[in-house]
Amino acid sequence: MRRYKEISAGLKKYAIVKGFVNKPIHLFLYKPDQWEDDLSPKTCPYVKTMNSRYWDLDSSYTDYLYLRDRLAEPIAKDFKDKTAAQIRSGLFSEMANYCDTIFAE
């Protein structure tokens, strides 16, 4: 990625929430029949379809929804532009991205 330093500096701790990964991803640009990279859940067509179908459905995470309520306060402390109420009412997948960001630091 040519501008990864600029993008990383601009996104700061929101990088993972916004989908930015500060790791080199090797693309096979000249061979469209090959998988794009080995880090993305979108590489495999089946995984891409399933991930896009279920990622934003809270029903996919029924057994873990209690974590959204339990982690709302700690997440709100780290992300000043989000309140605990916003996190509780948001998607579970968004809350998971905030957790990824916290644990990545």
C-alpha atoms as a PDB file:
ATOM      1  CA  MET A   1       0.000   0.000   0.000  1.00  0.00           C
ATOM      2  CA  ARG A   2       1.610   3.194  -1.116  1.00  0.00           C
ATOM      3  CA  ARG A   3       0.029   5.576   1.382  1.00  0.00           C
ATOM      4  CA  TYR A   4      -0.152   3.334   4.438  1.00  0.00           C
ATOM      5  CA  LYS A   5       1.807   5.739   6.676  1.00  0.00           C
ATOM      6  CA  GLU A   6      -0.457   8.662   5.806  1.00  0.00           C
ATOM      7  CA  ILE A   7      -3.612   6.581   6.212  1.00  0.00           C
ATOM      8  CA  SER A   8      -2.424   5.079   9.498  1.00  0.00           C
ATOM      9  CA  ALA A   9      -1.545   8.511  10.902  1.00  0.00           C
ATOM     10  CA  GLY A  10      -4.921   9.918   9.877  1.00  0.00           C
ATOM     11  CA  LEU A  11      -6.999   7.085  11.299  1.00  0.00           C
ATOM     12  CA  LYS A  12      -5.013   6.666  14.534  1.00  0.00           C
ATOM     13  CA  LYS A  13      -6.753   4.182  16.830  1.00  0.00           C
ATOM     14  CA  TYR A  14      -9.782   3.981  14.547  1.00  0.00           C
ATOM     15  CA  ALA A  15      -7.786   2.194  11.844  1.00  0.00           C
ATOM     16  CA  ILE A  16      -9.114  -1.309  12.527  1.00  0.00           C
ATOM     17  CA  VAL A  17     -12.681  -0.066  13.048  1.00  0.00           C
ATOM     18  CA  LYS A  18     -12.494   1.569   9.619  1.00  0.00           C
ATOM     19  CA  GLY A  19     -11.108  -1.626   8.056  1.00  0.00           C
ATOM     20  CA  PHE A  20      -7.476  -0.546   7.634  1.00  0.00           C
ATOM     21  CA  VAL A  21      -4.823  -3.175   8.269  1.00  0.00           C
ATOM     22  CA  ASN A  22      -1.278  -1.874   8.632  1.00  0.00           C
ATOM     23  CA  LYS A  23       0.281  -5.036   7.239  1.00  0.00           C
ATOM     24  CA  PRO A  24       1.467  -5.724   3.739  1.00  0.00           C
ATOM     25  CA  ILE A  25      -1.068  -7.677   1.772  1.00  0.00           C
ATOM     26  CA  HIS A  26       0.362  -9.416  -1.245  1.00  0.00           C
ATOM     27  CA  LEU A  27      -1.919  -9.090  -4.217  1.00  0.00           C
ATOM     28  CA  PHE A  28      -1.798 -11.096  -7.400  1.00  0.00           C
ATOM     29  CA  LEU A  29      -2.911  -8.251  -9.622  1.00  0.00           C
ATOM     30  CA  TYR A  30      -2.003  -9.860 -12.917  1.00  0.00           C
ATOM     31  CA  LYS A  31      -3.697 -13.183 -12.276  1.00  0.00           C
ATOM     32  CA  PRO A  32      -7.396 -12.506 -11.656  1.00  0.00           C
ATOM     33  CA  ASP A  33      -8.159 -16.204 -11.392  1.00  0.00           C
ATOM     34  CA  GLN A  34      -6.051 -16.460  -8.223  1.00  0.00           C
ATOM     35  CA  TRP A  35      -7.104 -15.481  -4.753  1.00  0.00           C
ATOM     36  CA  GLU A  36      -6.294 -11.876  -3.970  1.00  0.00           C
ATOM     37  CA  ASP A  37      -4.521 -12.350  -0.659  1.00  0.00           C
ATOM     38  CA  ASP A  38      -4.243 -14.675   2.283  1.00  0.00           C
ATOM     39  CA  LEU A  39      -5.380 -12.314   5.064  1.00  0.00           C
ATOM     40  CA  SER A  40      -8.803 -11.216   3.938  1.00  0.00           C
ATOM     41  CA  PRO A  41     -12.006 -13.108   4.741  1.00  0.00           C
ATOM     42  CA  LYS A  42     -13.055 -12.091   1.214  1.00  0.00           C
ATOM     43  CA  THR A  43     -10.395 -14.186  -0.515  1.00  0.00           C
ATOM     44  CA  CYS A  44     -12.425 -17.351  -0.705  1.00  0.00           C
ATOM     45  CA  PRO A  45     -15.689 -16.792  -2.621  1.00  0.00           C
ATOM     46  CA  TYR A  46     -17.689 -18.941  -0.188  1.00  0.00           C
ATOM     47  CA  VAL A  47     -16.303 -17.207   2.922  1.00  0.00           C
ATOM     48  CA  LYS A  48     -16.870 -13.822   1.274  1.00  0.00           C
ATOM     49  CA  THR A  49     -20.523 -14.677   0.621  1.00  0.00           C
ATOM     50  CA  MET A  50     -21.129 -16.046   4.123  1.00  0.00           C
ATOM     51  CA  ASN A  51     -19.256 -13.188   5.826  1.00  0.00           C
ATOM     52  CA  SER A  52     -21.164 -10.522   3.917  1.00  0.00           C
ATOM     53  CA  ARG A  53     -24.462 -12.296   4.580  1.00  0.00           C
ATOM     54  CA  TYR A  54     -24.049 -12.718   8.335  1.00  0.00           C
ATOM     55  CA  TRP A  55     -21.590 -10.027   9.494  1.00  0.00           C
ATOM     56  CA  ASP A  56     -24.185  -7.322  10.155  1.00  0.00           C
ATOM     57  CA  LEU A  57     -26.898  -9.608  11.534  1.00  0.00           C
ATOM     58  CA  ASP A  58     -27.044  -9.590  15.319  1.00  0.00           C
ATOM     59  CA  SER A  59     -28.859 -12.911  15.095  1.00  0.00           C
ATOM     60  CA  SER A  60     -25.530 -14.422  13.993  1.00  0.00           C
ATOM     61  CA  TYR A  61     -24.132 -13.686  17.449  1.00  0.00           C
ATOM     62  CA  THR A  62     -27.079 -14.595  19.686  1.00  0.00           C
ATOM     63  CA  ASP A  63     -24.941 -16.441  22.219  1.00  0.00           C
ATOM     64  CA  TYR A  64     -22.592 -13.479  22.575  1.00  0.00           C
ATOM     65  CA  LEU A  65     -24.901 -10.459  22.550  1.00  0.00           C
ATOM     66  CA  TYR A  66     -24.500 -10.062  26.318  1.00  0.00           C
ATOM     67  CA  LEU A  67     -20.918  -8.948  25.623  1.00  0.00           C
ATOM     68  CA  ARG A  68     -22.144  -5.800  23.872  1.00  0.00           C
ATOM     69  CA  ASP A  69     -23.844  -4.645  27.069  1.00  0.00           C
ATOM     70  CA  ARG A  70     -20.982  -5.758  29.272  1.00  0.00           C
ATOM     71  CA  LEU A  71     -18.296  -4.056  27.157  1.00  0.00           C
ATOM     72  CA  ALA A  72     -20.163  -0.854  26.245  1.00  0.00           C
ATOM     73  CA  GLU A  73     -18.754   1.212  29.133  1.00  0.00           C
ATOM     74  CA  PRO A  74     -15.095   0.204  28.664  1.00  0.00           C
ATOM     75  CA  ILE A  75     -15.320   0.818  24.910  1.00  0.00           C
ATOM     76  CA  ALA A  76     -16.907   4.235  25.457  1.00  0.00           C
ATOM     77  CA  LYS A  77     -13.982   5.165  27.719  1.00  0.00           C
ATOM     78  CA  ASP A  78     -11.493   4.427  24.952  1.00  0.00           C
ATOM     79  CA  PHE A  79     -13.527   5.996  22.146  1.00  0.00           C
ATOM     80  CA  LYS A  80     -14.589   9.429  23.337  1.00  0.00           C
ATOM     81  CA  ASP A  81     -16.916  10.046  20.377  1.00  0.00           C
ATOM     82  CA  LYS A  82     -19.076   7.043  21.293  1.00  0.00           C
ATOM     83  CA  THR A  83     -21.341   6.709  24.298  1.00  0.00           C
ATOM     84  CA  ALA A  84     -22.125   3.423  26.006  1.00  0.00           C
ATOM     85  CA  ALA A  85     -25.730   3.798  24.822  1.00  0.00           C
ATOM     86  CA  GLN A  86     -24.596   4.121  21.198  1.00  0.00           C
ATOM     87  CA  ILE A  87     -22.483   0.999  21.504  1.00  0.00           C
ATOM     88  CA  ARG A  88     -25.340  -0.948  23.123  1.00  0.00           C
ATOM     89  CA  SER A  89     -27.702   0.051  20.308  1.00  0.00           C
ATOM     90  CA  GLY A  90     -25.187  -0.554  17.509  1.00  0.00           C
ATOM     91  CA  LEU A  91     -24.453  -3.739  15.651  1.00  0.00           C
ATOM     92  CA  PHE A  92     -22.560  -6.511  17.400  1.00  0.00           C
ATOM     93  CA  SER A  93     -20.069  -6.564  14.518  1.00  0.00           C
ATOM     94  CA  GLU A  94     -19.261  -2.869  15.118  1.00  0.00           C
ATOM     95  CA  MET A  95     -18.647  -3.600  18.789  1.00  0.00           C
ATOM     96  CA  ALA A  96     -16.346  -6.456  17.774  1.00  0.00           C
ATOM     97  CA  ASN A  97     -14.351  -4.061  15.573  1.00  0.00           C
ATOM     98  CA  TYR A  98     -13.937  -1.656  18.492  1.00  0.00           C
ATOM     99  CA  CYS A  99     -12.687  -4.554  20.624  1.00  0.00           C
ATOM    100  CA  ASP A 100     -10.211  -5.519  17.898  1.00  0.00           C
ATOM    101  CA  THR A 101      -8.890  -1.969  17.904  1.00  0.00           C
ATOM    102  CA  ILE A 102      -8.449  -1.904  21.674  1.00  0.00           C
ATOM    103  CA  PHE A 103      -6.629  -5.228  21.772  1.00  0.00           C
ATOM    104  CA  ALA A 104      -4.443  -4.316  18.797  1.00  0.00           C
ATOM    105  CA  GLU A 105      -2.872  -1.401  20.642  1.00  0.00           C
END
